[in-house]
């Protein structure tokens, strides 16, 4: 199989110059997490939900995007694509035909391929035994900071008993984000250092300017008001069934529980797709 066999051909993209607010609207409208950035019909970058959540004060798309993203060609082998996604921090790869953007391949596309197969291997081989959890009463804005600082894309939510009761991910964070606009005051004194600060001339040369500031903020309500329902798999769950559960529940990572239904780790999509590297040898 080639990249063109699994890529999305109807690519949603954004052009430069542009703003954060336009990107957020595209994310929400199309329910996607990353957008190629094009200028003069050429791919120049990519912007993601994570970029926006990590730089809440930045409005200009050019300063939010990752420039010169890694790409693949339409006729590259699927194994090469999986190898890049499985061994990097990229969640999506723009697909080019020479220099023209013709598609995009995401980790979700690869998980879709796995879900359609019947891979009998148990997911225990792909479990990460550490994960960041949050308490259900934690304010959503604090959860956002926890996810930012730990680089987590999804957090299990626990109740007072330590039981898994929900999931919170970046999609929810962005859908619940608010744009807070306000005026910020800046003061400038044009008098020289040799002047007495309390002289009239110093006050006369004192200037106050106001700037409009726009930042992304999250509500302070408990995360339990926003979380998805709790879902999980077991270490013995088959790989393809695990992939189907991820697709069904629209999540990129899924908790793993033991026989007593205690949380023991996570299966991340990036780890799960490594099963194809063995199959495609």
Foldseek 3Di string as FASTA:
>chain_A
DWQLVQFDQPADAEEPFDWPVVVLVVCVVVVDFKHFYDYPQFTFFMAGLLLCLLCFQGITPVVSTDTPDAAEERGHHVLVVLVDLLPDPDQKHFYDHVGGGRGMDGLLSLLVVLLPDFFQAFCLVQWDQDFDAEEQFFFPQVVSVVCSVVVNQKHFYAYPVQAGFFMDGSSLQSVQKDKDKDKDKDKDFPDDPPDDCPDPVRVVRIDIDIDITIGIGGGRGGCNVRTHGADAAERNDGLSVVSVVCVVRVHQKHFYAYPVNHTRGIRGSSSSSCVVNVVVD
